[in-house]
Amino acid sequence: MSRHFVAPLVSLALLAVSPTASAADAARGGSLAGSWCSSCHIIDTGTAQKVADRAPTFRSIANDSEKTDAYLKRFMANPHYPMPNLDLGRRDIDDLVAYIGTLRTKTP
Protein backbone atom coordinates (compact mmCIF):
# COMPACT_ATOMS: atom_id res chain seq x y z
CA MET A 1 0.00 0.00 0.00
CA SER A 2 1.33 3.40 -0.91
CA ARG A 3 2.47 5.75 1.84
CA HIS A 4 0.07 8.38 0.45
CA PHE A 5 -2.91 6.21 1.33
CA VAL A 6 -1.75 5.08 4.76
CA ALA A 7 -1.66 8.47 6.51
CA PRO A 8 -5.23 9.47 5.58
CA LEU A 9 -6.51 6.02 6.54
CA VAL A 10 -4.82 6.18 9.93
CA SER A 11 -6.24 9.68 10.55
CA LEU A 12 -9.71 8.54 9.57
CA ALA A 13 -9.47 5.49 11.84
CA LEU A 14 -8.42 7.64 14.79
CA LEU A 15 -11.38 9.97 14.26
CA ALA A 16 -13.75 7.02 14.09
CA VAL A 17 -12.67 5.64 17.47
CA SER A 18 -12.06 8.91 19.28
CA PRO A 19 -14.72 9.32 21.98
CA THR A 20 -14.30 13.08 22.01
CA ALA A 21 -14.73 13.52 18.27
CA SER A 22 -18.51 13.74 18.56
CA ALA A 23 -19.27 13.40 22.26
CA ALA A 24 -21.43 16.09 23.79
CA ASP A 25 -19.72 18.19 26.45
CA ALA A 26 -21.98 18.60 29.49
CA ALA A 27 -19.55 21.00 31.18
CA ARG A 28 -19.62 23.27 28.14
CA GLY A 29 -23.41 22.93 28.11
CA GLY A 30 -23.51 24.12 31.72
CA SER A 31 -21.43 27.15 30.79
CA LEU A 32 -23.73 27.91 27.86
CA ALA A 33 -26.76 27.56 30.12
CA GLY A 34 -25.20 30.00 32.58
CA SER A 35 -24.58 32.51 29.80
CA TRP A 36 -27.72 32.16 27.70
CA CYS A 37 -30.46 30.51 29.72
CA SER A 38 -30.08 31.74 33.29
CA SER A 39 -32.04 34.96 32.76
CA CYS A 40 -35.22 32.86 32.43
CA HIS A 41 -34.42 29.41 33.84
CA ILE A 42 -32.92 28.20 37.08
CA ILE A 43 -30.12 26.08 35.71
CA ASP A 44 -28.96 24.50 38.98
CA THR A 45 -25.61 26.18 39.34
CA GLY A 46 -25.84 26.21 43.11
CA THR A 47 -26.22 29.99 43.17
CA ALA A 48 -29.33 32.03 43.82
CA GLN A 49 -30.97 33.23 40.64
CA LYS A 50 -33.81 35.61 39.95
CA VAL A 51 -35.66 34.34 36.91
CA ALA A 52 -38.90 34.65 35.00
CA ASP A 53 -41.79 32.97 36.81
CA ARG A 54 -43.04 30.95 33.86
CA ALA A 55 -39.80 29.29 32.69
CA PRO A 56 -39.33 25.76 34.03
CA THR A 57 -36.16 24.92 35.90
CA PHE A 58 -33.59 22.83 34.08
CA ARG A 59 -33.98 20.16 36.78
CA SER A 60 -37.75 19.95 36.14
CA ILE A 61 -37.11 19.71 32.39
CA ALA A 62 -34.54 16.96 33.00
CA ASN A 63 -37.01 14.95 35.06
CA ASP A 64 -40.02 15.36 32.76
CA SER A 65 -40.42 11.97 31.04
CA GLU A 66 -41.89 13.68 27.96
CA LYS A 67 -38.78 15.82 27.51
CA THR A 68 -36.49 13.20 25.97
CA ASP A 69 -33.11 14.13 24.55
CA ALA A 70 -34.59 13.94 21.04
CA TYR A 71 -37.47 16.22 22.06
CA LEU A 72 -35.10 18.77 23.61
CA LYS A 73 -32.86 18.79 20.55
CA ARG A 74 -35.85 19.40 18.25
CA PHE A 75 -37.22 22.10 20.54
CA MET A 76 -33.92 23.97 20.83
CA ALA A 77 -33.41 23.81 17.07
CA ASN A 78 -36.80 25.50 16.56
CA PRO A 79 -37.90 27.16 19.82
CA HIS A 80 -41.41 28.45 20.39
CA TYR A 81 -42.61 31.60 22.10
CA PRO A 82 -41.85 32.73 24.76
CA MET A 83 -38.37 31.20 24.39
CA PRO A 84 -36.19 33.43 22.24
CA ASN A 85 -34.56 32.07 19.10
CA LEU A 86 -30.91 31.91 20.12
CA ASP A 87 -29.89 30.40 16.76
CA LEU A 88 -28.08 27.54 18.48
CA GLY A 89 -25.74 25.33 16.49
CA ARG A 90 -25.84 21.53 16.65
CA ARG A 91 -22.87 21.37 19.04
CA ASP A 92 -24.45 23.96 21.35
CA ILE A 93 -27.70 22.01 21.43
CA ASP A 94 -25.95 18.68 22.03
CA ASP A 95 -23.92 20.20 24.87
CA LEU A 96 -26.97 21.84 26.48
CA VAL A 97 -28.93 18.58 26.29
CA ALA A 98 -25.96 16.71 27.80
CA TYR A 99 -25.89 19.22 30.67
CA ILE A 100 -29.63 18.88 31.25
CA GLY A 101 -29.11 15.11 31.33
CA THR A 102 -26.72 15.51 34.28
CA LEU A 103 -29.60 16.99 36.28
CA ARG A 104 -31.82 13.91 35.99
CA THR A 105 -32.66 12.35 39.31
CA LYS A 106 -31.30 8.86 39.49
CA THR A 107 -33.95 6.31 40.42
CA PRO A 108 -33.01 3.00 42.08
PDB file of N, CA and C in Angstrom:
ATOM      1  N   MET A   1       0.853  -1.174   0.000  1.00  0.00           N
ATOM      2  CA  MET A   1       0.000   0.000   0.000  1.00  0.00           C
ATOM      3  C   MET A   1       0.895   1.232   0.000  1.00  0.00           C
ATOM      4  N   SER A   2       0.556   2.183  -0.783  1.00  0.00           N
ATOM      5  CA  SER A   2       1.329   3.404  -0.912  1.00  0.00           C
ATOM      6  C   SER A   2       1.278   4.228   0.371  1.00  0.00           C
ATOM      7  N   ARG A   3       2.369   4.888   0.657  1.00  0.00           N
ATOM      8  CA  ARG A   3       2.473   5.746   1.839  1.00  0.00           C
ATOM      9  C   ARG A   3       1.436   6.864   1.776  1.00  0.00           C
ATOM     10  N   HIS A   4       1.048   7.292   0.611  1.00  0.00           N
ATOM     11  CA  HIS A   4       0.074   8.385   0.449  1.00  0.00           C
ATOM     12  C   HIS A   4      -1.322   7.986   0.900  1.00  0.00           C
ATOM     13  N   PHE A   5      -1.601   6.687   0.901  1.00  0.00           N
ATOM     14  CA  PHE A   5      -2.906   6.214   1.334  1.00  0.00           C
ATOM     15  C   PHE A   5      -2.942   5.862   2.812  1.00  0.00           C
ATOM     16  N   VAL A   6      -1.799   5.526   3.375  1.00  0.00           N
ATOM     17  CA  VAL A   6      -1.751   5.077   4.765  1.00  0.00           C
ATOM     18  C   VAL A   6      -2.063   6.205   5.737  1.00  0.00           C
ATOM     19  N   ALA A   7      -1.456   7.354   5.574  1.00  0.00           N
ATOM     20  CA  ALA A   7      -1.656   8.471   6.509  1.00  0.00           C
ATOM     21  C   ALA A   7      -3.120   8.895   6.591  1.00  0.00           C
ATOM     22  N   PRO A   8      -3.808   9.102   5.470  1.00  0.00           N
ATOM     23  CA  PRO A   8      -5.226   9.473   5.579  1.00  0.00           C
ATOM     24  C   PRO A   8      -6.073   8.370   6.214  1.00  0.00           C
ATOM     25  N   LEU A   9      -5.755   7.112   5.942  1.00  0.00           N
ATOM     26  CA  LEU A   9      -6.515   6.017   6.539  1.00  0.00           C
ATOM     27  C   LEU A   9      -6.312   5.958   8.046  1.00  0.00           C
ATOM     28  N   VAL A  10      -5.096   6.180   8.497  1.00  0.00           N
ATOM     29  CA  VAL A  10      -4.818   6.182   9.929  1.00  0.00           C
ATOM     30  C   VAL A  10      -5.560   7.342  10.591  1.00  0.00           C
ATOM     31  N   SER A  11      -5.524   8.518   9.998  1.00  0.00           N
ATOM     32  CA  SER A  11      -6.235   9.676  10.549  1.00  0.00           C
ATOM     33  C   SER A  11      -7.728   9.416  10.623  1.00  0.00           C
ATOM     34  N   LEU A  12      -8.286   8.846   9.591  1.00  0.00           N
ATOM     35  CA  LEU A  12      -9.708   8.538   9.574  1.00  0.00           C
ATOM     36  C   LEU A  12     -10.057   7.505  10.645  1.00  0.00           C
ATOM     37  N   ALA A  13      -9.222   6.512  10.819  1.00  0.00           N
ATOM     38  CA  ALA A  13      -9.470   5.491  11.841  1.00  0.00           C
ATOM     39  C   ALA A  13      -9.427   6.099  13.236  1.00  0.00           C
ATOM     40  N   LEU A  14      -8.503   6.999  13.484  1.00  0.00           N
ATOM     41  CA  LEU A  14      -8.419   7.644  14.795  1.00  0.00           C
ATOM     42  C   LEU A  14      -9.655   8.488  15.070  1.00  0.00           C
ATOM     43  N   LEU A  15     -10.160   9.182  14.082  1.00  0.00           N
ATOM     44  CA  LEU A  15     -11.377   9.965  14.261  1.00  0.00           C
ATOM     45  C   LEU A  15     -12.570   9.065  14.553  1.00  0.00           C
ATOM     46  N   ALA A  16     -12.614   7.927  13.914  1.00  0.00           N
ATOM     47  CA  ALA A  16     -13.748   7.024  14.093  1.00  0.00           C
ATOM     48  C   ALA A  16     -13.814   6.447  15.496  1.00  0.00           C
ATOM     49  N   VAL A  17     -12.672   6.240  16.138  1.00  0.00           N
ATOM     50  CA  VAL A  17     -12.675   5.642  17.467  1.00  0.00           C
ATOM     51  C   VAL A  17     -12.496   6.642  18.584  1.00  0.00           C
ATOM     52  N   SER A  18     -12.267   7.891  18.257  1.00  0.00           N
ATOM     53  CA  SER A  18     -12.060   8.912  19.278  1.00  0.00           C
ATOM     54  C   SER A  18     -13.377   9.243  19.963  1.00  0.00           C
ATOM     55  N   PRO A  19     -13.468   9.034  21.295  1.00  0.00           N
ATOM     56  CA  PRO A  19     -14.722   9.317  21.979  1.00  0.00           C
ATOM     57  C   PRO A  19     -15.037  10.800  22.054  1.00  0.00           C
ATOM     58  N   THR A  20     -14.053  11.652  21.914  1.00  0.00           N
ATOM     59  CA  THR A  20     -14.297  13.082  22.006  1.00  0.00           C
ATOM     60  C   THR A  20     -14.612  13.715  20.667  1.00  0.00           C
ATOM     61  N   ALA A  21     -14.493  12.949  19.590  1.00  0.00           N
ATOM     62  CA  ALA A  21     -14.733  13.519  18.269  1.00  0.00           C
ATOM     63  C   ALA A  21     -16.166  14.018  18.126  1.00  0.00           C
ATOM     64  N   SER A  22     -17.132  13.312  18.706  1.00  0.00           N
ATOM     65  CA  SER A  22     -18.514  13.743  18.558  1.00  0.00           C
ATOM     66  C   SER A  22     -19.278  13.727  19.884  1.00  0.00           C
ATOM     67  N   ALA A  23     -18.592  13.475  20.968  1.00  0.00           N
ATOM     68  CA  ALA A  23     -19.265  13.398  22.262  1.00  0.00           C
ATOM     69  C   ALA A  23     -19.709  14.781  22.719  1.00  0.00           C
ATOM     70  N   ALA A  24     -20.923  14.836  23.248  1.00  0.00           N
ATOM     71  CA  ALA A  24     -21.428  16.095  23.790  1.00  0.00           C
ATOM     72  C   ALA A  24     -20.660  16.432  25.061  1.00  0.00           C
ATOM     73  N   ASP A  25     -20.495  17.707  25.317  1.00  0.00           N
ATOM     74  CA  ASP A  25     -19.721  18.193  26.455  1.00  0.00           C
ATOM     75  C   ASP A  25     -20.669  18.852  27.454  1.00  0.00           C
ATOM     76  N   ALA A  26     -21.025  18.097  28.495  1.00  0.00           N
ATOM     77  CA  ALA A  26     -21.976  18.597  29.492  1.00  0.00           C
ATOM     78  C   ALA A  26     -21.429  19.809  30.233  1.00  0.00           C
ATOM     79  N   ALA A  27     -20.130  19.846  30.489  1.00  0.00           N
ATOM     80  CA  ALA A  27     -19.546  21.000  31.183  1.00  0.00           C
ATOM     81  C   ALA A  27     -19.688  22.256  30.332  1.00  0.00           C
ATOM     82  N   ARG A  28     -19.442  22.125  29.041  1.00  0.00           N
ATOM     83  CA  ARG A  28     -19.622  23.268  28.137  1.00  0.00           C
ATOM     84  C   ARG A  28     -21.093  23.659  28.090  1.00  0.00           C
ATOM     85  N   GLY A  29     -21.975  22.661  28.092  1.00  0.00           N
ATOM     86  CA  GLY A  29     -23.407  22.932  28.110  1.00  0.00           C
ATOM     87  C   GLY A  29     -23.818  23.707  29.350  1.00  0.00           C
ATOM     88  N   GLY A  30     -23.226  23.379  30.497  1.00  0.00           N
ATOM     89  CA  GLY A  30     -23.509  24.121  31.722  1.00  0.00           C
ATOM     90  C   GLY A  30     -23.061  25.563  31.625  1.00  0.00           C
ATOM     91  N   SER A  31     -21.915  25.778  30.995  1.00  0.00           N
ATOM     92  CA  SER A  31     -21.433  27.154  30.788  1.00  0.00           C
ATOM     93  C   SER A  31     -22.357  27.922  29.853  1.00  0.00           C
ATOM     94  N   LEU A  32     -22.789  27.269  28.781  1.00  0.00           N
ATOM     95  CA  LEU A  32     -23.726  27.912  27.855  1.00  0.00           C
ATOM     96  C   LEU A  32     -25.026  28.253  28.571  1.00  0.00           C
ATOM     97  N   ALA A  33     -25.521  27.317  29.384  1.00  0.00           N
ATOM     98  CA  ALA A  33     -26.760  27.561  30.121  1.00  0.00           C
ATOM     99  C   ALA A  33     -26.595  28.766  31.040  1.00  0.00           C
ATOM    100  N   GLY A  34     -25.448  28.871  31.698  1.00  0.00           N
ATOM    101  CA  GLY A  34     -25.197  30.005  32.576  1.00  0.00           C
ATOM    102  C   GLY A  34     -25.168  31.322  31.823  1.00  0.00           C
ATOM    103  N   SER A  35     -24.671  31.288  30.601  1.00  0.00           N
ATOM    104  CA  SER A  35     -24.578  32.506  29.797  1.00  0.00           C
ATOM    105  C   SER A  35     -25.886  32.873  29.120  1.00  0.00           C
ATOM    106  N   TRP A  36     -26.581  31.877  28.555  1.00  0.00           N
ATOM    107  CA  TRP A  36     -27.719  32.157  27.697  1.00  0.00           C
ATOM    108  C   TRP A  36     -29.075  31.905  28.331  1.00  0.00           C
ATOM    109  N   CYS A  37     -29.151  30.986  29.257  1.00  0.00           N
ATOM    110  CA  CYS A  37     -30.460  30.512  29.720  1.00  0.00           C
ATOM    111  C   CYS A  37     -30.834  31.004  31.114  1.00  0.00           C
ATOM    112  N   SER A  38     -29.854  31.448  31.873  1.00  0.00           N
ATOM    113  CA  SER A  38     -30.085  31.742  33.286  1.00  0.00           C
ATOM    114  C   SER A  38     -30.918  32.993  33.545  1.00  0.00           C
ATOM    115  N   SER A  39     -31.177  33.798  32.530  1.00  0.00           N
ATOM    116  CA  SER A  39     -32.036  34.962  32.758  1.00  0.00           C
ATOM    117  C   SER A  39     -33.509  34.550  32.862  1.00  0.00           C
ATOM    118  N   CYS A  40     -33.835  33.350  32.361  1.00  0.00           N
ATOM    119  CA  CYS A  40     -35.220  32.864  32.428  1.00  0.00           C
ATOM    120  C   CYS A  40     -35.370  31.557  33.206  1.00  0.00           C
ATOM    121  N   HIS A  41     -34.353  30.726  33.212  1.00  0.00           N
ATOM    122  CA  HIS A  41     -34.420  29.409  33.841  1.00  0.00           C
ATOM    123  C   HIS A  41     -33.477  29.335  35.034  1.00  0.00           C
ATOM    124  N   ILE A  42     -33.882  28.599  36.055  1.00  0.00           N
ATOM    125  CA  ILE A  42     -32.923  28.203  37.083  1.00  0.00           C
ATOM    126  C   ILE A  42     -32.197  27.006  36.506  1.00  0.00           C
ATOM    127  N   ILE A  43     -30.873  27.124  36.393  1.00  0.00           N
ATOM    128  CA  ILE A  43     -30.119  26.079  35.710  1.00  0.00           C
ATOM    129  C   ILE A  43     -29.366  25.166  36.657  1.00  0.00           C
ATOM    130  N   ASP A  44     -29.559  25.362  37.965  1.00  0.00           N
ATOM    131  CA  ASP A  44     -28.962  24.503  38.979  1.00  0.00           C
ATOM    132  C   ASP A  44     -27.451  24.681  39.075  1.00  0.00           C
ATOM    133  N   THR A  45     -27.034  25.909  39.184  1.00  0.00           N
ATOM    134  CA  THR A  45     -25.610  26.184  39.341  1.00  0.00           C
ATOM    135  C   THR A  45     -25.199  26.230  40.795  1.00  0.00           C
ATOM    136  N   GLY A  46     -26.156  26.121  41.700  1.00  0.00           N
ATOM    137  CA  GLY A  46     -25.841  26.205  43.110  1.00  0.00           C
ATOM    138  C   GLY A  46     -25.838  27.636  43.621  1.00  0.00           C
ATOM    139  N   THR A  47     -26.157  28.591  42.760  1.00  0.00           N
ATOM    140  CA  THR A  47     -26.219  29.992  43.174  1.00  0.00           C
ATOM    141  C   THR A  47     -27.651  30.481  43.063  1.00  0.00           C
ATOM    142  N   ALA A  48     -27.986  31.454  43.879  1.00  0.00           N
ATOM    143  CA  ALA A  48     -29.332  32.028  43.825  1.00  0.00           C
ATOM    144  C   ALA A  48     -29.515  32.754  42.501  1.00  0.00           C
ATOM    145  N   GLN A  49     -30.675  32.585  41.910  1.00  0.00           N
ATOM    146  CA  GLN A  49     -30.968  33.228  40.636  1.00  0.00           C
ATOM    147  C   GLN A  49     -32.364  33.832  40.683  1.00  0.00           C
ATOM    148  N   LYS A  50     -32.492  35.005  40.142  1.00  0.00           N
ATOM    149  CA  LYS A  50     -33.809  35.609  39.949  1.00  0.00           C
ATOM    150  C   LYS A  50     -34.165  35.373  38.490  1.00  0.00           C
ATOM    151  N   VAL A  51     -35.292  34.712  38.271  1.00  0.00           N
ATOM    152  CA  VAL A  51     -35.656  34.336  36.909  1.00  0.00           C
ATOM    153  C   VAL A  51     -37.126  34.602  36.649  1.00  0.00           C
ATOM    154  N   ALA A  52     -37.496  34.499  35.391  1.00  0.00           N
ATOM    155  CA  ALA A  52     -38.900  34.647  35.004  1.00  0.00           C
ATOM    156  C   ALA A  52     -39.729  33.563  35.676  1.00  0.00           C
ATOM    157  N   ASP A  53     -40.927  33.905  36.095  1.00  0.00           N
ATOM    158  CA  ASP A  53     -41.788  32.966  36.806  1.00  0.00           C
ATOM    159  C   ASP A  53     -42.252  31.787  35.946  1.00  0.00           C
ATOM    160  N   ARG A  54     -42.422  31.994  34.664  1.00  0.00           N
ATOM    161  CA  ARG A  54     -43.040  30.947  33.857  1.00  0.00           C
ATOM    162  C   ARG A  54     -42.058  29.955  33.234  1.00  0.00           C
ATOM    163  N   ALA A  55     -40.781  30.202  33.295  1.00  0.00           N
ATOM    164  CA  ALA A  55     -39.804  29.292  32.689  1.00  0.00           C
ATOM    165  C   ALA A  55     -39.519  28.130  33.641  1.00  0.00           C
ATOM    166  N   PRO A  56     -39.612  26.902  33.156  1.00  0.00           N
ATOM    167  CA  PRO A  56     -39.331  25.759  34.033  1.00  0.00           C
ATOM    168  C   PRO A  56     -37.845  25.693  34.384  1.00  0.00           C
ATOM    169  N   THR A  57     -37.560  25.118  35.523  1.00  0.00           N
ATOM    170  CA  THR A  57     -36.159  24.925  35.905  1.00  0.00           C
ATOM    171  C   THR A  57     -35.555  23.841  35.017  1.00  0.00           C
ATOM    172  N   PHE A  58     -34.246  23.874  34.862  1.00  0.00           N
ATOM    173  CA  PHE A  58     -33.594  22.826  34.083  1.00  0.00           C
ATOM    174  C   PHE A  58     -33.780  21.465  34.751  1.00  0.00           C
ATOM    175  N   ARG A  59     -33.798  21.430  36.080  1.00  0.00           N
ATOM    176  CA  ARG A  59     -33.984  20.155  36.785  1.00  0.00           C
ATOM    177  C   ARG A  59     -35.377  19.589  36.488  1.00  0.00           C
ATOM    178  N   SER A  60     -36.412  20.450  36.446  1.00  0.00           N
ATOM    179  CA  SER A  60     -37.753  19.948  36.141  1.00  0.00           C
ATOM    180  C   SER A  60     -37.840  19.478  34.688  1.00  0.00           C
ATOM    181  N   ILE A  61     -37.154  20.149  33.795  1.00  0.00           N
ATOM    182  CA  ILE A  61     -37.105  19.711  32.395  1.00  0.00           C
ATOM    183  C   ILE A  61     -36.429  18.347  32.318  1.00  0.00           C
ATOM    184  N   ALA A  62     -35.313  18.207  33.025  1.00  0.00           N
ATOM    185  CA  ALA A  62     -34.543  16.961  32.999  1.00  0.00           C
ATOM    186  C   ALA A  62     -35.357  15.785  33.500  1.00  0.00           C
ATOM    187  N   ASN A  63     -36.246  16.037  34.444  1.00  0.00           N
ATOM    188  CA  ASN A  63     -37.006  14.953  35.063  1.00  0.00           C
ATOM    189  C   ASN A  63     -38.422  14.796  34.514  1.00  0.00           C
ATOM    190  N   ASP A  64     -38.736  15.505  33.446  1.00  0.00           N
ATOM    191  CA  ASP A  64     -40.021  15.362  32.763  1.00  0.00           C
ATOM    192  C   ASP A  64     -39.869  14.246  31.727  1.00  0.00           C
ATOM    193  N   SER A  65     -40.576  13.143  31.919  1.00  0.00           N
ATOM    194  CA  SER A  65     -40.419  11.973  31.038  1.00  0.00           C
ATOM    195  C   SER A  65     -40.771  12.271  29.580  1.00  0.00           C
ATOM    196  N   GLU A  66     -41.547  13.308  29.337  1.00  0.00           N
ATOM    197  CA  GLU A  66     -41.888  13.677  27.958  1.00  0.00           C
ATOM    198  C   GLU A  66     -40.780  14.479  27.275  1.00  0.00           C
ATOM    199  N   LYS A  67     -39.864  14.997  28.057  1.00  0.00           N
ATOM    200  CA  LYS A  67     -38.778  15.820  27.511  1.00  0.00           C
ATOM    201  C   LYS A  67     -37.532  14.948  27.294  1.00  0.00           C
ATOM    202  N   THR A  68     -37.617  14.070  26.309  1.00  0.00           N
ATOM    203  CA  THR A  68     -36.490  13.203  25.973  1.00  0.00           C
ATOM    204  C   THR A  68     -35.379  14.029  25.338  1.00  0.00           C
ATOM    205  N   ASP A  69     -34.208  13.432  25.206  1.00  0.00           N
ATOM    206  CA  ASP A  69     -33.110  14.133  24.546  1.00  0.00           C
ATOM    207  C   ASP A  69     -33.501  14.537  23.126  1.00  0.00           C
ATOM    208  N   ALA A  70     -34.166  13.628  22.418  1.00  0.00           N
ATOM    209  CA  ALA A  70     -34.590  13.938  21.045  1.00  0.00           C
ATOM    210  C   ALA A  70     -35.572  15.106  21.029  1.00  0.00           C
ATOM    211  N   TYR A  71     -36.519  15.120  21.961  1.00  0.00           N
ATOM    212  CA  TYR A  71     -37.470  16.224  22.057  1.00  0.00           C
ATOM    213  C   TYR A  71     -36.742  17.541  22.304  1.00  0.00           C
ATOM    214  N   LEU A  72     -35.825  17.543  23.279  1.00  0.00           N
ATOM    215  CA  LEU A  72     -35.102  18.774  23.615  1.00  0.00           C
ATOM    216  C   LEU A  72     -34.285  19.284  22.437  1.00  0.00           C
ATOM    217  N   LYS A  73     -33.663  18.377  21.713  1.00  0.00           N
ATOM    218  CA  LYS A  73     -32.859  18.790  20.548  1.00  0.00           C
ATOM    219  C   LYS A  73     -33.747  19.425  19.481  1.00  0.00           C
ATOM    220  N   ARG A  74     -34.917  18.817  19.231  1.00  0.00           N
ATOM    221  CA  ARG A  74     -35.847  19.404  18.248  1.00  0.00           C
ATOM    222  C   ARG A  74     -36.347  20.766  18.718  1.00  0.00           C
ATOM    223  N   PHE A  75     -36.691  20.852  19.999  1.00  0.00           N
ATOM    224  CA  PHE A  75     -37.222  22.102  20.542  1.00  0.00           C
ATOM    225  C   PHE A  75     -36.187  23.214  20.453  1.00  0.00           C
ATOM    226  N   MET A  76     -34.951  22.932  20.855  1.00  0.00           N
ATOM    227  CA  MET A  76     -33.919  23.973  20.828  1.00  0.00           C
ATOM    228  C   MET A  76     -33.542  24.385  19.411  1.00  0.00           C
ATOM    229  N   ALA A  77     -33.709  23.472  18.469  1.00  0.00           N
ATOM    230  CA  ALA A  77     -33.412  23.808  17.073  1.00  0.00           C
ATOM    231  C   ALA A  77     -34.470  24.734  16.487  1.00  0.00           C
ATOM    232  N   ASN A  78     -35.695  24.676  17.050  1.00  0.00           N
ATOM    233  CA  ASN A  78     -36.798  25.499  16.562  1.00  0.00           C
ATOM    234  C   ASN A  78     -37.675  25.905  17.743  1.00  0.00           C
ATOM    235  N   PRO A  79     -37.162  26.810  18.600  1.00  0.00           N
ATOM    236  CA  PRO A  79     -37.898  27.156  19.822  1.00  0.00           C
ATOM    237  C   PRO A  79     -39.215  27.874  19.525  1.00  0.00           C
ATOM    238  N   HIS A  80     -40.098  27.822  20.498  1.00  0.00           N
ATOM    239  CA  HIS A  80     -41.411  28.451  20.391  1.00  0.00           C
ATOM    240  C   HIS A  80     -41.538  29.540  21.443  1.00  0.00           C
ATOM    241  N   TYR A  81     -42.351  30.526  21.154  1.00  0.00           N
ATOM    242  CA  TYR A  81     -42.608  31.600  22.096  1.00  0.00           C
ATOM    243  C   TYR A  81     -43.028  31.013  23.438  1.00  0.00           C
ATOM    244  N   PRO A  82     -42.583  31.501  24.526  1.00  0.00           N
ATOM    245  CA  PRO A  82     -41.848  32.735  24.761  1.00  0.00           C
ATOM    246  C   PRO A  82     -40.318  32.587  24.742  1.00  0.00           C
ATOM    247  N   MET A  83     -39.828  31.373  24.437  1.00  0.00           N
ATOM    248  CA  MET A  83     -38.374  31.197  24.390  1.00  0.00           C
ATOM    249  C   MET A  83     -37.810  31.918  23.172  1.00  0.00           C
ATOM    250  N   PRO A  84     -36.762  32.715  23.381  1.00  0.00           N
ATOM    251  CA  PRO A  84     -36.187  33.433  22.236  1.00  0.00           C
ATOM    252  C   PRO A  84     -35.439  32.487  21.313  1.00  0.00           C
ATOM    253  N   ASN A  85     -35.340  32.849  20.053  1.00  0.00           N
ATOM    254  CA  ASN A  85     -34.556  32.069  19.100  1.00  0.00           C
ATOM    255  C   ASN A  85     -33.095  32.480  19.255  1.00  0.00           C
ATOM    256  N   LEU A  86     -32.318  31.619  19.878  1.00  0.00           N
ATOM    257  CA  LEU A  86     -30.905  31.912  20.115  1.00  0.00           C
ATOM    258  C   LEU A  86     -30.022  31.477  18.955  1.00  0.00           C
ATOM    259  N   ASP A  87     -30.622  30.877  17.933  1.00  0.00           N
ATOM    260  CA  ASP A  87     -29.887  30.403  16.763  1.00  0.00           C
ATOM    261  C   ASP A  87     -28.733  29.505  17.188  1.00  0.00           C
ATOM    262  N   LEU A  88     -29.068  28.469  17.958  1.00  0.00           N
ATOM    263  CA  LEU A  88     -28.079  27.542  18.481  1.00  0.00           C
ATOM    264  C   LEU A  88     -27.595  26.593  17.397  1.00  0.00           C
ATOM    265  N   GLY A  89     -26.309  26.316  17.400  1.00  0.00           N
ATOM    266  CA  GLY A  89     -25.743  25.329  16.495  1.00  0.00           C
ATOM    267  C   GLY A  89     -25.924  23.928  17.052  1.00  0.00           C
ATOM    268  N   ARG A  90     -25.662  22.929  16.232  1.00  0.00           N
ATOM    269  CA  ARG A  90     -25.838  21.534  16.652  1.00  0.00           C
ATOM    270  C   ARG A  90     -24.982  21.203  17.875  1.00  0.00           C
ATOM    271  N   ARG A  91     -23.736  21.654  17.896  1.00  0.00           N
ATOM    272  CA  ARG A  91     -22.868  21.373  19.038  1.00  0.00           C
ATOM    273  C   ARG A  91     -23.410  22.032  20.305  1.00  0.00           C
ATOM    274  N   ASP A  92     -23.874  23.270  20.193  1.00  0.00           N
ATOM    275  CA  ASP A  92     -24.448  23.963  21.352  1.00  0.00           C
ATOM    276  C   ASP A  92     -25.641  23.180  21.904  1.00  0.00           C
ATOM    277  N   ILE A  93     -26.518  22.752  21.011  1.00  0.00           N
ATOM    278  CA  ILE A  93     -27.699  22.007  21.426  1.00  0.00           C
ATOM    279  C   ILE A  93     -27.301  20.686  22.083  1.00  0.00           C
ATOM    280  N   ASP A  94     -26.392  19.956  21.462  1.00  0.00           N
ATOM    281  CA  ASP A  94     -25.946  18.684  22.032  1.00  0.00           C
ATOM    282  C   ASP A  94     -25.346  18.886  23.425  1.00  0.00           C
ATOM    283  N   ASP A  95     -24.553  19.938  23.581  1.00  0.00           N
ATOM    284  CA  ASP A  95     -23.918  20.201  24.875  1.00  0.00           C
ATOM    285  C   ASP A  95     -24.946  20.628  25.924  1.00  0.00           C
ATOM    286  N   LEU A  96     -25.915  21.448  25.543  1.00  0.00           N
ATOM    287  CA  LEU A  96     -26.971  21.840  26.480  1.00  0.00           C
ATOM    288  C   LEU A  96     -27.811  20.634  26.905  1.00  0.00           C
ATOM    289  N   VAL A  97     -28.148  19.780  25.968  1.00  0.00           N
ATOM    290  CA  VAL A  97     -28.927  18.584  26.290  1.00  0.00           C
ATOM    291  C   VAL A  97     -28.111  17.649  27.191  1.00  0.00           C
ATOM    292  N   ALA A  98     -26.821  17.536  26.944  1.00  0.00           N
ATOM    293  CA  ALA A  98     -25.963  16.714  27.801  1.00  0.00           C
ATOM    294  C   ALA A  98     -25.943  17.282  29.220  1.00  0.00           C
ATOM    295  N   TYR A  99     -25.865  18.604  29.340  1.00  0.00           N
ATOM    296  CA  TYR A  99     -25.894  19.223  30.672  1.00  0.00           C
ATOM    297  C   TYR A  99     -27.222  18.947  31.366  1.00  0.00           C
ATOM    298  N   ILE A 100     -28.316  19.136  30.661  1.00  0.00           N
ATOM    299  CA  ILE A 100     -29.632  18.876  31.252  1.00  0.00           C
ATOM    300  C   ILE A 100     -29.711  17.429  31.717  1.00  0.00           C
ATOM    301  N   GLY A 101     -29.126  16.518  30.952  1.00  0.00           N
ATOM    302  CA  GLY A 101     -29.109  15.113  31.328  1.00  0.00           C
ATOM    303  C   GLY A 101     -28.399  14.856  32.656  1.00  0.00           C
ATOM    304  N   THR A 102     -27.427  15.690  32.999  1.00  0.00           N
ATOM    305  CA  THR A 102     -26.724  15.511  34.283  1.00  0.00           C
ATOM    306  C   THR A 102     -27.610  15.877  35.461  1.00  0.00           C
ATOM    307  N   LEU A 103     -28.707  16.561  35.204  1.00  0.00           N
ATOM    308  CA  LEU A 103     -29.603  16.993  36.281  1.00  0.00           C
ATOM    309  C   LEU A 103     -30.726  16.000  36.554  1.00  0.00           C
ATOM    310  N   ARG A 104     -30.777  14.923  35.775  1.00  0.00           N
ATOM    311  CA  ARG A 104     -31.822  13.914  35.991  1.00  0.00           C
ATOM    312  C   ARG A 104     -31.608  13.227  37.327  1.00  0.00           C
ATOM    313  N   THR A 105     -32.696  13.066  38.041  1.00  0.00           N
ATOM    314  CA  THR A 105     -32.655  12.354  39.306  1.00  0.00           C
ATOM    315  C   THR A 105     -32.494  10.874  39.027  1.00  0.00           C
ATOM    316  N   LYS A 106     -31.537  10.296  39.661  1.00  0.00           N
ATOM    317  CA  LYS A 106     -31.302   8.857  39.493  1.00  0.00           C
ATOM    318  C   LYS A 106     -32.322   8.089  40.318  1.00  0.00           C
ATOM    319  N   THR A 107     -32.982   7.129  39.688  1.00  0.00           N
ATOM    320  CA  THR A 107     -33.947   6.305  40.424  1.00  0.00           C
ATOM    321  C   THR A 107     -33.359   4.910  40.620  1.00  0.00           C
ATOM    322  N   PRO A 108     -33.589   4.324  41.800  1.00  0.00           N
ATOM    323  CA  PRO A 108     -33.010   3.000  42.076  1.00  0.00           C
ATOM    324  C   PRO A 108     -33.615   1.893  41.267  1.00  0.00           C
TER     325      PRO A 108
END
